[in-house]
Structure formats: structure tokens, C-alpha cells
Amino acid sequence: MSYPHQALPREFRMAGGGFGKIVLPFAFLLVFFAVIMLLLGSVVAGLPGGIIAAVVGTGALVGVLYGKFNRMKQGTVVRFSEYGVELSDTMGYQIRLNWPDITRIGEVRSQMANPSTVGLQGGVRVNAGAVKTQGVIGWGHRVIPAKAPGWMRQNLAMAPVNPYDGRPEVAIPLSGIDPNWTQGAMGQWVRTYRPDLLGGGPQYGYPPR
């Protein structure tokens, strides 16, 4: 079959900005950390010292998050080709979705940190939420790097699997790369090879199993 978008694979990287969306799930943790630093600093150096400890400590934590965000931003790549969509990142994590195996476009929840709850027993307890984006979802292939933390492996192990061949359900967060991806070049790739996903008519290839 001849496709109207027969071209070399194209790479896409994260657009400018986006740190606010990444840091939002950590908001409660940052507030909790600031309160703890305020209390500890106040015990050692009084209220002024507690305020300084809270501001400096929380600022340093935000700086760490920003550094990780920049590394993720520079190393995360999404590739489109006539075969499908692929994602790779700085950790060595890889996802591949072939066009016929994409089942839908929907919400993608990316857990950026350990979701375990922290806090005081019987008191305030908080955790890091997931970053919510939109992307393509389906039965695909993924590579988990050897250095991936245990909590990440546990989360991924809970994903549904294809009852016919055991492939896991995977997702590629396209709006994390470009918030307006449906109106841009990535959207055009999808409309070319799987127009049904965006309401553009019958799909090419075979229906997902």
C-alpha cells in the first residue's frame, strides 16, 4: 500500500516550558517539606531561622527537580515513521507502538517519583501524584532500564496485557512533547497512518487485536 506520508522518520523533542506541569504533582510534597524545615529551623534558630531554612531548603529541592526536568527535556525523543511511534529517554526507557496496534488516544499518567505516601503517623500525609498528559495508547513493546527503581517496575507490572500475545499496554505522552500536538506535525503523522484515531475516517492497516 502506498502511503501519502512516505518519508524518513522524524524526531520530536519537548517544546519550551513545561516545568510547571512537571512540578505540580510535587506541590503538596514541597509544602510539607517547607513546613518540616520551618519547624526544625525554628527549634534550632528561632522563627527567623526557620523561615530561612524553609525558603532555602525548598528552593534547593525545586532546583533539583528543575535539573532533572532539564535532563529529561533534553534526552526525551519521540520518533514517527511509517511503522509507528517510538519514545526513548535519558534513563534508557524505550516504548514502541506500531500503527495497527494503537487502540486509542487518551490520558497518559506518567509517575515521575515514588508514589508512596510520606508524613507523620496520624497526621498530614502526602505523596507525589502523576503527570497527566494525552497521547497514543495500545499494545506495544517497552524496554525498562536496569537502573529503574523498584516502584517503577511494580507500577509497570500492573499494566494490562494483550490476552493473545502478552504484550503490555503502553502509552506515549505526545502532549508532554507538544501541548498542541494534534494541530502540528505529530498530529499530521497520526492522521496519515491512523486517521480513525482523530475522527478522520477508516484506519490503515489491520485492526488492533
N, C-alpha and C. Protein backbone atom coordinates (compact mmCIF):
# COMPACT_ATOMS: atom_id res chain seq x y z
N MET A 1 0.85 -1.20 0.00
CA MET A 1 0.00 0.00 0.00
C MET A 1 0.88 1.25 0.00
N SER A 2 0.54 2.21 -0.80
CA SER A 2 1.29 3.45 -0.85
C SER A 2 0.68 4.46 0.12
N TYR A 3 1.50 5.01 1.00
CA TYR A 3 1.02 5.97 1.99
C TYR A 3 1.32 7.39 1.52
N PRO A 4 0.42 8.33 1.85
CA PRO A 4 0.64 9.72 1.41
C PRO A 4 1.76 10.39 2.16
N HIS A 5 2.29 9.80 3.26
CA HIS A 5 3.31 10.47 4.06
C HIS A 5 4.58 9.62 4.08
N GLN A 6 4.91 8.99 2.94
CA GLN A 6 6.10 8.15 2.88
C GLN A 6 7.31 9.06 3.01
N ALA A 7 7.99 9.03 4.17
CA ALA A 7 9.09 9.94 4.41
C ALA A 7 10.03 9.32 5.42
N LEU A 8 11.19 9.93 5.56
CA LEU A 8 12.14 9.48 6.56
C LEU A 8 11.55 9.68 7.95
N PRO A 9 11.95 8.84 8.92
CA PRO A 9 11.47 9.03 10.29
C PRO A 9 11.77 10.44 10.77
N ARG A 10 10.90 10.97 11.59
CA ARG A 10 11.10 12.33 12.11
C ARG A 10 11.11 12.30 13.62
N GLU A 11 12.02 13.08 14.21
CA GLU A 11 12.16 13.14 15.66
C GLU A 11 11.52 14.42 16.21
N PHE A 12 10.94 14.28 17.39
CA PHE A 12 10.36 15.42 18.09
C PHE A 12 10.89 15.44 19.52
N ARG A 13 11.21 16.65 20.00
CA ARG A 13 11.67 16.83 21.37
C ARG A 13 10.74 17.80 22.09
N MET A 14 10.85 17.83 23.40
CA MET A 14 9.93 18.63 24.20
C MET A 14 10.03 20.10 23.84
N ALA A 15 8.86 20.73 23.71
CA ALA A 15 8.80 22.16 23.42
C ALA A 15 9.24 22.95 24.65
N GLY A 16 9.44 24.26 24.49
CA GLY A 16 9.85 25.11 25.60
C GLY A 16 8.82 25.14 26.72
N GLY A 17 9.31 25.42 27.93
CA GLY A 17 8.42 25.46 29.09
C GLY A 17 8.08 24.06 29.56
N GLY A 18 7.01 23.98 30.33
CA GLY A 18 6.54 22.68 30.78
C GLY A 18 6.95 22.31 32.19
N PHE A 19 7.84 23.10 32.81
CA PHE A 19 8.29 22.75 34.16
C PHE A 19 7.15 22.81 35.17
N GLY A 20 6.24 23.76 34.97
CA GLY A 20 5.11 23.89 35.89
C GLY A 20 4.27 22.63 35.94
N LYS A 21 4.04 22.01 34.79
CA LYS A 21 3.24 20.78 34.75
C LYS A 21 3.96 19.64 35.46
N ILE A 22 5.30 19.62 35.34
CA ILE A 22 6.08 18.55 35.98
C ILE A 22 6.10 18.73 37.49
N VAL A 23 6.23 19.98 37.96
CA VAL A 23 6.36 20.21 39.39
C VAL A 23 5.03 20.18 40.13
N LEU A 24 3.92 20.34 39.40
CA LEU A 24 2.60 20.39 40.04
C LEU A 24 2.30 19.17 40.90
N PRO A 25 2.58 17.92 40.43
CA PRO A 25 2.29 16.77 41.28
C PRO A 25 3.10 16.74 42.58
N PHE A 26 4.18 17.54 42.64
CA PHE A 26 5.02 17.58 43.83
C PHE A 26 4.62 18.73 44.78
N ALA A 27 3.56 19.46 44.43
CA ALA A 27 3.21 20.66 45.20
C ALA A 27 3.00 20.35 46.68
N PHE A 28 2.21 19.33 46.98
CA PHE A 28 1.94 19.00 48.38
C PHE A 28 3.21 18.54 49.11
N LEU A 29 4.05 17.80 48.40
CA LEU A 29 5.31 17.36 49.00
C LEU A 29 6.20 18.56 49.30
N LEU A 30 6.25 19.52 48.41
CA LEU A 30 7.07 20.71 48.62
C LEU A 30 6.56 21.53 49.81
N VAL A 31 5.24 21.66 49.91
CA VAL A 31 4.66 22.39 51.04
C VAL A 31 4.96 21.66 52.34
N PHE A 32 4.80 20.35 52.32
CA PHE A 32 5.08 19.53 53.51
C PHE A 32 6.55 19.67 53.91
N PHE A 33 7.44 19.63 52.93
CA PHE A 33 8.87 19.77 53.19
C PHE A 33 9.18 21.14 53.78
N ALA A 34 8.54 22.20 53.22
CA ALA A 34 8.76 23.55 53.73
C ALA A 34 8.32 23.68 55.18
N VAL A 35 7.19 23.07 55.52
CA VAL A 35 6.68 23.12 56.90
C VAL A 35 7.65 22.40 57.85
N ILE A 36 8.14 21.23 57.44
CA ILE A 36 9.08 20.49 58.28
C ILE A 36 10.37 21.30 58.48
N MET A 37 10.87 21.92 57.40
CA MET A 37 12.08 22.73 57.52
C MET A 37 11.83 23.94 58.42
N LEU A 38 10.63 24.52 58.33
CA LEU A 38 10.29 25.66 59.18
C LEU A 38 10.30 25.26 60.65
N LEU A 39 9.72 24.11 60.96
CA LEU A 39 9.66 23.64 62.34
C LEU A 39 11.05 23.30 62.87
N LEU A 40 11.83 22.58 62.08
CA LEU A 40 13.17 22.19 62.52
C LEU A 40 14.07 23.42 62.69
N GLY A 41 13.98 24.33 61.70
CA GLY A 41 14.81 25.53 61.78
C GLY A 41 14.42 26.41 62.96
N SER A 42 13.13 26.46 63.27
CA SER A 42 12.66 27.27 64.38
C SER A 42 13.16 26.72 65.72
N VAL A 43 13.23 25.40 65.82
CA VAL A 43 13.73 24.78 67.05
C VAL A 43 15.20 25.15 67.28
N VAL A 44 15.97 25.19 66.19
CA VAL A 44 17.41 25.44 66.31
C VAL A 44 17.73 26.92 66.38
N ALA A 45 17.07 27.73 65.57
CA ALA A 45 17.46 29.15 65.44
C ALA A 45 16.29 30.12 65.56
N GLY A 46 15.17 29.69 66.11
CA GLY A 46 14.03 30.59 66.24
C GLY A 46 13.26 30.73 64.94
N LEU A 47 12.18 31.50 64.98
CA LEU A 47 11.32 31.64 63.81
C LEU A 47 12.05 32.21 62.59
N PRO A 48 12.89 33.27 62.75
CA PRO A 48 13.61 33.78 61.56
C PRO A 48 14.47 32.69 60.91
N GLY A 49 15.15 31.91 61.75
CA GLY A 49 15.98 30.83 61.21
C GLY A 49 15.14 29.77 60.54
N GLY A 50 13.95 29.50 61.10
CA GLY A 50 13.06 28.52 60.48
C GLY A 50 12.58 28.97 59.12
N ILE A 51 12.26 30.26 59.00
CA ILE A 51 11.81 30.79 57.71
C ILE A 51 12.92 30.67 56.67
N ILE A 52 14.15 31.02 57.10
CA ILE A 52 15.28 30.93 56.17
C ILE A 52 15.51 29.47 55.75
N ALA A 53 15.44 28.55 56.71
CA ALA A 53 15.63 27.13 56.40
C ALA A 53 14.56 26.63 55.44
N ALA A 54 13.31 27.06 55.64
CA ALA A 54 12.21 26.63 54.78
C ALA A 54 12.41 27.14 53.35
N VAL A 55 12.78 28.43 53.23
CA VAL A 55 12.95 29.03 51.90
C VAL A 55 14.13 28.41 51.17
N VAL A 56 15.28 28.32 51.87
CA VAL A 56 16.49 27.80 51.23
C VAL A 56 16.33 26.31 50.91
N GLY A 57 15.81 25.55 51.88
CA GLY A 57 15.67 24.12 51.68
C GLY A 57 14.71 23.79 50.55
N THR A 58 13.55 24.46 50.54
CA THR A 58 12.56 24.20 49.49
C THR A 58 13.07 24.67 48.14
N GLY A 59 13.78 25.82 48.14
CA GLY A 59 14.36 26.31 46.89
C GLY A 59 15.37 25.33 46.31
N ALA A 60 16.17 24.72 47.19
CA ALA A 60 17.16 23.74 46.73
C ALA A 60 16.46 22.51 46.15
N LEU A 61 15.36 22.09 46.78
CA LEU A 61 14.62 20.93 46.28
C LEU A 61 14.01 21.23 44.92
N VAL A 62 13.47 22.44 44.76
CA VAL A 62 12.93 22.84 43.45
C VAL A 62 14.04 22.85 42.41
N GLY A 63 15.24 23.29 42.82
CA GLY A 63 16.38 23.30 41.91
C GLY A 63 16.75 21.91 41.45
N VAL A 64 16.69 20.94 42.37
CA VAL A 64 16.96 19.54 42.00
C VAL A 64 15.94 19.05 40.98
N LEU A 65 14.65 19.37 41.24
CA LEU A 65 13.60 18.97 40.30
C LEU A 65 13.81 19.61 38.93
N TYR A 66 14.23 20.89 38.94
CA TYR A 66 14.44 21.59 37.68
C TYR A 66 15.60 20.96 36.89
N GLY A 67 16.67 20.55 37.62
CA GLY A 67 17.78 19.89 36.95
C GLY A 67 17.35 18.59 36.31
N LYS A 68 16.55 17.79 37.04
CA LYS A 68 16.05 16.53 36.48
C LYS A 68 15.14 16.79 35.29
N PHE A 69 14.32 17.84 35.38
CA PHE A 69 13.42 18.19 34.28
C PHE A 69 14.22 18.54 33.03
N ASN A 70 15.30 19.32 33.20
CA ASN A 70 16.11 19.70 32.05
C ASN A 70 16.76 18.49 31.40
N ARG A 71 17.25 17.56 32.23
CA ARG A 71 17.85 16.35 31.66
C ARG A 71 16.80 15.53 30.90
N MET A 72 15.61 15.43 31.48
CA MET A 72 14.53 14.70 30.81
C MET A 72 14.14 15.41 29.51
N LYS A 73 14.08 16.72 29.55
CA LYS A 73 13.68 17.50 28.38
C LYS A 73 14.68 17.33 27.23
N GLN A 74 15.97 17.33 27.57
CA GLN A 74 16.99 17.21 26.54
C GLN A 74 17.11 15.79 26.00
N GLY A 75 16.78 14.78 26.84
CA GLY A 75 17.00 13.40 26.43
C GLY A 75 15.79 12.64 25.97
N THR A 76 14.60 13.22 26.09
CA THR A 76 13.38 12.52 25.67
C THR A 76 13.10 12.80 24.19
N VAL A 77 12.98 11.74 23.41
CA VAL A 77 12.77 11.87 21.97
C VAL A 77 11.60 10.98 21.55
N VAL A 78 10.70 11.52 20.73
CA VAL A 78 9.63 10.73 20.12
C VAL A 78 9.90 10.67 18.62
N ARG A 79 9.88 9.46 18.06
CA ARG A 79 10.14 9.29 16.63
C ARG A 79 8.91 8.72 15.93
N PHE A 80 8.56 9.34 14.82
CA PHE A 80 7.46 8.87 13.98
C PHE A 80 8.04 8.31 12.69
N SER A 81 7.50 7.19 12.23
CA SER A 81 7.92 6.62 10.96
C SER A 81 6.71 5.94 10.33
N GLU A 82 6.90 5.35 9.18
CA GLU A 82 5.80 4.64 8.51
C GLU A 82 5.39 3.38 9.29
N TYR A 83 6.22 2.97 10.27
CA TYR A 83 5.92 1.77 11.04
C TYR A 83 5.16 2.06 12.33
N GLY A 84 5.37 3.25 12.91
CA GLY A 84 4.70 3.56 14.15
C GLY A 84 5.36 4.70 14.90
N VAL A 85 5.21 4.67 16.23
CA VAL A 85 5.71 5.73 17.10
C VAL A 85 6.62 5.11 18.15
N GLU A 86 7.75 5.78 18.43
CA GLU A 86 8.68 5.29 19.44
C GLU A 86 9.05 6.43 20.38
N LEU A 87 9.35 6.08 21.63
CA LEU A 87 9.83 7.04 22.61
C LEU A 87 11.05 6.47 23.31
N SER A 88 12.05 7.33 23.54
CA SER A 88 13.21 6.94 24.35
C SER A 88 13.57 8.12 25.24
N ASP A 89 14.17 7.82 26.41
CA ASP A 89 14.54 8.91 27.30
C ASP A 89 15.94 8.71 27.85
N THR A 90 16.37 9.62 28.73
CA THR A 90 17.74 9.62 29.23
C THR A 90 18.06 8.41 30.11
N MET A 91 17.05 7.82 30.74
CA MET A 91 17.28 6.67 31.60
C MET A 91 17.52 5.38 30.81
N GLY A 92 17.15 5.38 29.53
CA GLY A 92 17.23 4.18 28.73
C GLY A 92 15.90 3.49 28.57
N TYR A 93 14.83 4.15 29.02
CA TYR A 93 13.48 3.61 28.89
C TYR A 93 13.02 3.80 27.45
N GLN A 94 12.45 2.76 26.83
CA GLN A 94 12.00 2.83 25.45
C GLN A 94 10.61 2.23 25.30
N ILE A 95 9.80 2.84 24.44
CA ILE A 95 8.46 2.34 24.12
C ILE A 95 8.31 2.35 22.60
N ARG A 96 7.72 1.29 22.06
CA ARG A 96 7.42 1.26 20.63
C ARG A 96 5.99 0.81 20.42
N LEU A 97 5.26 1.58 19.60
CA LEU A 97 3.88 1.26 19.23
C LEU A 97 3.78 1.24 17.71
N ASN A 98 3.45 0.10 17.13
CA ASN A 98 3.21 0.05 15.70
C ASN A 98 1.82 0.61 15.40
N TRP A 99 1.67 1.19 14.23
CA TRP A 99 0.40 1.85 13.90
C TRP A 99 -0.82 0.95 14.07
N PRO A 100 -0.81 -0.29 13.58
CA PRO A 100 -2.02 -1.12 13.72
C PRO A 100 -2.36 -1.47 15.16
N ASP A 101 -1.38 -1.35 16.07
CA ASP A 101 -1.59 -1.79 17.44
C ASP A 101 -2.00 -0.67 18.39
N ILE A 102 -2.12 0.55 17.87
CA ILE A 102 -2.60 1.65 18.70
C ILE A 102 -4.12 1.52 18.82
N THR A 103 -4.61 1.47 20.04
CA THR A 103 -6.04 1.26 20.26
C THR A 103 -6.82 2.55 20.47
N ARG A 104 -6.14 3.60 20.94
CA ARG A 104 -6.88 4.84 21.22
C ARG A 104 -5.92 5.98 21.53
N ILE A 105 -6.49 7.17 21.55
CA ILE A 105 -5.82 8.36 22.09
C ILE A 105 -6.52 8.68 23.40
N GLY A 106 -5.75 8.89 24.45
CA GLY A 106 -6.37 9.13 25.74
C GLY A 106 -5.39 9.70 26.75
N GLU A 107 -5.82 9.72 28.01
CA GLU A 107 -5.00 10.28 29.08
C GLU A 107 -3.83 9.34 29.40
N VAL A 108 -2.66 9.93 29.52
CA VAL A 108 -1.46 9.20 29.90
C VAL A 108 -1.00 9.72 31.26
N ARG A 109 -0.85 8.82 32.22
CA ARG A 109 -0.40 9.19 33.56
C ARG A 109 1.04 8.74 33.74
N SER A 110 1.95 9.71 33.84
CA SER A 110 3.37 9.42 33.98
C SER A 110 3.79 9.67 35.43
N GLN A 111 4.19 8.62 36.12
CA GLN A 111 4.61 8.76 37.52
C GLN A 111 6.10 9.10 37.54
N MET A 112 6.42 10.32 37.98
CA MET A 112 7.79 10.81 37.93
C MET A 112 8.60 10.48 39.18
N ALA A 113 7.93 10.11 40.26
CA ALA A 113 8.63 9.81 41.51
C ALA A 113 7.86 8.75 42.27
N ASN A 114 8.50 8.20 43.28
CA ASN A 114 7.88 7.16 44.11
C ASN A 114 6.53 7.65 44.64
N PRO A 115 5.43 6.93 44.34
CA PRO A 115 4.11 7.38 44.78
C PRO A 115 3.80 7.06 46.23
N SER A 116 4.72 6.46 46.95
CA SER A 116 4.48 6.09 48.35
C SER A 116 4.17 7.33 49.19
N THR A 117 3.24 7.18 50.12
CA THR A 117 2.84 8.28 50.99
C THR A 117 3.88 8.50 52.09
N VAL A 118 4.18 9.77 52.36
CA VAL A 118 5.08 10.13 53.45
C VAL A 118 4.36 11.11 54.36
N GLY A 119 4.82 11.20 55.60
CA GLY A 119 4.20 12.13 56.53
C GLY A 119 4.27 11.64 57.95
N LEU A 120 3.51 12.27 58.81
CA LEU A 120 3.50 11.95 60.23
C LEU A 120 2.39 10.95 60.52
N GLN A 121 2.71 9.95 61.34
CA GLN A 121 1.72 8.96 61.71
C GLN A 121 0.55 9.63 62.42
N GLY A 122 -0.66 9.46 61.88
CA GLY A 122 -1.83 10.08 62.47
C GLY A 122 -1.99 11.54 62.11
N GLY A 123 -1.06 12.06 61.27
CA GLY A 123 -1.13 13.48 60.87
C GLY A 123 -1.24 13.62 59.38
N VAL A 124 -0.69 14.73 58.87
CA VAL A 124 -0.74 15.01 57.44
C VAL A 124 0.17 14.04 56.70
N ARG A 125 -0.36 13.43 55.65
CA ARG A 125 0.41 12.51 54.83
C ARG A 125 0.20 12.87 53.36
N VAL A 126 1.27 12.95 52.60
CA VAL A 126 1.20 13.39 51.21
C VAL A 126 2.02 12.45 50.34
N ASN A 127 1.80 12.55 49.03
CA ASN A 127 2.61 11.78 48.09
C ASN A 127 2.71 12.54 46.78
N ALA A 128 3.58 12.05 45.90
CA ALA A 128 3.76 12.67 44.59
C ALA A 128 2.77 12.07 43.61
N GLY A 129 1.98 12.92 42.97
CA GLY A 129 0.99 12.43 42.00
C GLY A 129 1.63 12.18 40.65
N ALA A 130 0.81 11.82 39.70
CA ALA A 130 1.28 11.54 38.34
C ALA A 130 1.07 12.77 37.45
N VAL A 131 1.95 12.93 36.48
CA VAL A 131 1.78 13.97 35.46
C VAL A 131 0.78 13.47 34.43
N LYS A 132 -0.27 14.24 34.20
CA LYS A 132 -1.33 13.83 33.28
C LYS A 132 -1.16 14.53 31.93
N THR A 133 -1.04 13.74 30.89
CA THR A 133 -0.92 14.26 29.54
C THR A 133 -1.84 13.46 28.62
N GLN A 134 -1.75 13.73 27.31
CA GLN A 134 -2.54 13.00 26.33
C GLN A 134 -1.60 12.37 25.32
N GLY A 135 -1.93 11.17 24.89
CA GLY A 135 -1.08 10.53 23.91
C GLY A 135 -1.71 9.31 23.29
N VAL A 136 -0.89 8.51 22.63
CA VAL A 136 -1.36 7.29 21.98
C VAL A 136 -1.15 6.11 22.92
N ILE A 137 -2.11 5.19 22.92
CA ILE A 137 -2.11 4.04 23.83
C ILE A 137 -2.39 2.78 23.02
N GLY A 138 -1.74 1.70 23.36
CA GLY A 138 -2.00 0.45 22.64
C GLY A 138 -1.11 -0.68 23.12
N TRP A 139 -1.14 -1.79 22.38
CA TRP A 139 -0.34 -2.96 22.72
C TRP A 139 1.02 -2.80 22.06
N GLY A 140 2.05 -2.68 22.87
CA GLY A 140 3.35 -2.40 22.29
C GLY A 140 4.50 -3.12 22.96
N HIS A 141 5.67 -2.55 22.82
CA HIS A 141 6.90 -3.13 23.36
C HIS A 141 7.59 -2.06 24.18
N ARG A 142 8.21 -2.45 25.27
CA ARG A 142 8.94 -1.49 26.09
C ARG A 142 10.22 -2.12 26.62
N VAL A 143 11.21 -1.27 26.82
CA VAL A 143 12.48 -1.67 27.42
C VAL A 143 12.62 -0.88 28.72
N ILE A 144 12.78 -1.60 29.82
CA ILE A 144 12.96 -0.98 31.13
C ILE A 144 14.44 -1.02 31.48
N PRO A 145 15.06 0.12 31.74
CA PRO A 145 16.50 0.12 32.04
C PRO A 145 16.80 -0.64 33.33
N ALA A 146 17.99 -1.21 33.40
CA ALA A 146 18.39 -1.99 34.57
C ALA A 146 18.38 -1.15 35.85
N LYS A 147 18.63 0.16 35.72
CA LYS A 147 18.70 1.02 36.89
C LYS A 147 17.33 1.59 37.30
N ALA A 148 16.27 1.15 36.65
CA ALA A 148 14.93 1.63 37.01
C ALA A 148 14.61 1.23 38.45
N PRO A 149 14.04 2.16 39.25
CA PRO A 149 13.73 1.83 40.65
C PRO A 149 12.63 0.79 40.77
N GLY A 150 12.58 0.14 41.93
CA GLY A 150 11.61 -0.93 42.15
C GLY A 150 10.18 -0.48 42.04
N TRP A 151 9.87 0.76 42.55
CA TRP A 151 8.49 1.22 42.49
C TRP A 151 8.01 1.38 41.05
N MET A 152 8.95 1.78 40.16
CA MET A 152 8.58 1.94 38.74
C MET A 152 8.30 0.58 38.12
N ARG A 153 9.11 -0.41 38.43
CA ARG A 153 8.89 -1.75 37.91
C ARG A 153 7.56 -2.32 38.39
N GLN A 154 7.22 -2.04 39.65
CA GLN A 154 5.95 -2.52 40.19
C GLN A 154 4.77 -1.88 39.46
N ASN A 155 4.85 -0.56 39.25
CA ASN A 155 3.78 0.14 38.53
C ASN A 155 3.59 -0.42 37.13
N LEU A 156 4.69 -0.62 36.42
CA LEU A 156 4.61 -1.12 35.05
C LEU A 156 4.09 -2.54 35.00
N ALA A 157 4.42 -3.33 36.01
CA ALA A 157 3.97 -4.73 36.04
C ALA A 157 2.46 -4.83 36.19
N MET A 158 1.82 -3.75 36.66
CA MET A 158 0.37 -3.76 36.87
C MET A 158 -0.40 -3.39 35.60
N ALA A 159 0.30 -3.02 34.53
CA ALA A 159 -0.37 -2.62 33.28
C ALA A 159 -1.08 -3.82 32.66
N PRO A 160 -2.23 -3.59 31.97
CA PRO A 160 -2.91 -4.69 31.27
C PRO A 160 -2.01 -5.30 30.21
N VAL A 161 -2.26 -6.56 29.87
CA VAL A 161 -1.51 -7.21 28.80
C VAL A 161 -2.48 -7.76 27.76
N ASN A 162 -2.01 -7.84 26.55
CA ASN A 162 -2.82 -8.37 25.45
C ASN A 162 -3.08 -9.86 25.71
N PRO A 163 -4.35 -10.28 25.74
CA PRO A 163 -4.65 -11.69 26.06
C PRO A 163 -4.17 -12.67 24.99
N TYR A 164 -3.86 -12.18 23.79
CA TYR A 164 -3.45 -13.08 22.71
C TYR A 164 -1.94 -13.34 22.69
N ASP A 165 -1.15 -12.29 22.98
CA ASP A 165 0.30 -12.46 22.86
C ASP A 165 1.09 -11.95 24.06
N GLY A 166 0.40 -11.41 25.06
CA GLY A 166 1.09 -10.99 26.28
C GLY A 166 1.79 -9.65 26.21
N ARG A 167 1.64 -8.93 25.10
CA ARG A 167 2.28 -7.62 25.03
C ARG A 167 1.61 -6.67 26.02
N PRO A 168 2.39 -5.80 26.69
CA PRO A 168 1.80 -4.88 27.66
C PRO A 168 1.12 -3.70 26.97
N GLU A 169 0.15 -3.12 27.67
CA GLU A 169 -0.42 -1.87 27.20
C GLU A 169 0.55 -0.75 27.56
N VAL A 170 0.96 0.00 26.56
CA VAL A 170 1.92 1.08 26.76
C VAL A 170 1.32 2.38 26.24
N ALA A 171 1.93 3.49 26.64
CA ALA A 171 1.42 4.79 26.23
C ALA A 171 2.58 5.74 25.96
N ILE A 172 2.42 6.58 24.96
CA ILE A 172 3.43 7.59 24.63
C ILE A 172 2.77 8.96 24.78
N PRO A 173 3.25 9.77 25.73
CA PRO A 173 2.61 11.05 26.06
C PRO A 173 2.96 12.17 25.08
N LEU A 174 2.21 12.29 24.02
CA LEU A 174 2.54 13.26 22.97
C LEU A 174 2.35 14.70 23.42
N SER A 175 1.33 14.97 24.26
CA SER A 175 1.15 16.37 24.69
C SER A 175 2.23 16.79 25.68
N GLY A 176 2.98 15.81 26.23
CA GLY A 176 4.13 16.16 27.04
C GLY A 176 5.27 16.68 26.18
N ILE A 177 5.27 16.32 24.90
CA ILE A 177 6.27 16.82 23.96
C ILE A 177 5.80 18.15 23.37
N ASP A 178 4.54 18.21 22.97
CA ASP A 178 3.95 19.43 22.40
C ASP A 178 2.48 19.49 22.82
N PRO A 179 2.11 20.46 23.67
CA PRO A 179 0.73 20.56 24.14
C PRO A 179 -0.29 20.64 23.00
N ASN A 180 0.11 21.17 21.85
CA ASN A 180 -0.80 21.31 20.70
C ASN A 180 -0.47 20.30 19.60
N TRP A 181 -0.10 19.09 20.01
CA TRP A 181 0.39 18.12 19.04
C TRP A 181 -0.64 17.75 17.99
N THR A 182 -1.92 17.75 18.34
CA THR A 182 -2.94 17.34 17.36
C THR A 182 -3.02 18.32 16.19
N GLN A 183 -2.60 19.56 16.42
CA GLN A 183 -2.66 20.57 15.36
C GLN A 183 -1.34 20.71 14.61
N GLY A 184 -0.31 19.99 15.06
CA GLY A 184 1.00 20.14 14.45
C GLY A 184 1.42 18.94 13.63
N ALA A 185 2.74 18.80 13.48
CA ALA A 185 3.29 17.74 12.63
C ALA A 185 3.02 16.35 13.18
N MET A 186 3.05 16.19 14.51
CA MET A 186 2.75 14.86 15.07
C MET A 186 1.32 14.46 14.77
N GLY A 187 0.41 15.42 14.88
CA GLY A 187 -0.98 15.14 14.53
C GLY A 187 -1.14 14.74 13.08
N GLN A 188 -0.33 15.34 12.22
CA GLN A 188 -0.39 15.01 10.79
C GLN A 188 0.07 13.58 10.54
N TRP A 189 1.10 13.14 11.27
CA TRP A 189 1.53 11.75 11.14
C TRP A 189 0.39 10.80 11.53
N VAL A 190 -0.27 11.11 12.62
CA VAL A 190 -1.37 10.24 13.07
C VAL A 190 -2.50 10.25 12.04
N ARG A 191 -2.83 11.41 11.52
CA ARG A 191 -3.91 11.50 10.52
C ARG A 191 -3.55 10.73 9.25
N THR A 192 -2.27 10.63 8.95
CA THR A 192 -1.84 9.93 7.76
C THR A 192 -1.95 8.42 7.90
N TYR A 193 -1.47 7.89 9.03
CA TYR A 193 -1.40 6.44 9.19
C TYR A 193 -2.54 5.84 10.00
N ARG A 194 -3.16 6.65 10.88
CA ARG A 194 -4.30 6.17 11.66
C ARG A 194 -5.34 7.29 11.79
N PRO A 195 -5.94 7.71 10.67
CA PRO A 195 -6.88 8.83 10.72
C PRO A 195 -8.09 8.56 11.60
N ASP A 196 -8.42 7.29 11.84
CA ASP A 196 -9.57 6.97 12.68
C ASP A 196 -9.39 7.44 14.11
N LEU A 197 -8.15 7.54 14.56
CA LEU A 197 -7.89 7.93 15.95
C LEU A 197 -8.29 9.37 16.23
N LEU A 198 -8.26 10.19 15.20
CA LEU A 198 -8.64 11.60 15.35
C LEU A 198 -9.91 11.91 14.59
N GLY A 199 -10.72 10.89 14.36
CA GLY A 199 -12.01 11.10 13.71
C GLY A 199 -11.90 11.40 12.24
N GLY A 200 -10.85 10.84 11.58
CA GLY A 200 -10.63 11.19 10.19
C GLY A 200 -10.97 10.10 9.20
N GLY A 201 -11.74 9.09 9.58
CA GLY A 201 -12.12 8.07 8.61
C GLY A 201 -11.55 6.72 8.96
N PRO A 202 -11.68 5.75 8.06
CA PRO A 202 -11.23 4.38 8.33
C PRO A 202 -9.72 4.32 8.50
N GLN A 203 -9.26 3.39 9.33
CA GLN A 203 -7.84 3.27 9.59
C GLN A 203 -7.14 2.51 8.49
N TYR A 204 -5.80 2.73 8.42
CA TYR A 204 -4.97 1.94 7.53
C TYR A 204 -4.50 0.72 8.29
N GLY A 205 -4.06 -0.30 7.58
CA GLY A 205 -3.51 -1.48 8.23
C GLY A 205 -4.60 -2.35 8.82
N TYR A 206 -4.23 -3.13 9.82
CA TYR A 206 -5.14 -4.09 10.42
C TYR A 206 -5.66 -3.58 11.76
N PRO A 207 -6.85 -3.97 12.13
CA PRO A 207 -7.38 -3.52 13.43
C PRO A 207 -6.59 -4.11 14.58
N PRO A 208 -6.40 -3.34 15.69
CA PRO A 208 -5.65 -3.88 16.83
C PRO A 208 -6.32 -5.12 17.37
N ARG A 209 -5.50 -6.05 17.85
CA ARG A 209 -6.04 -7.27 18.45
C ARG A 209 -6.29 -7.07 19.94
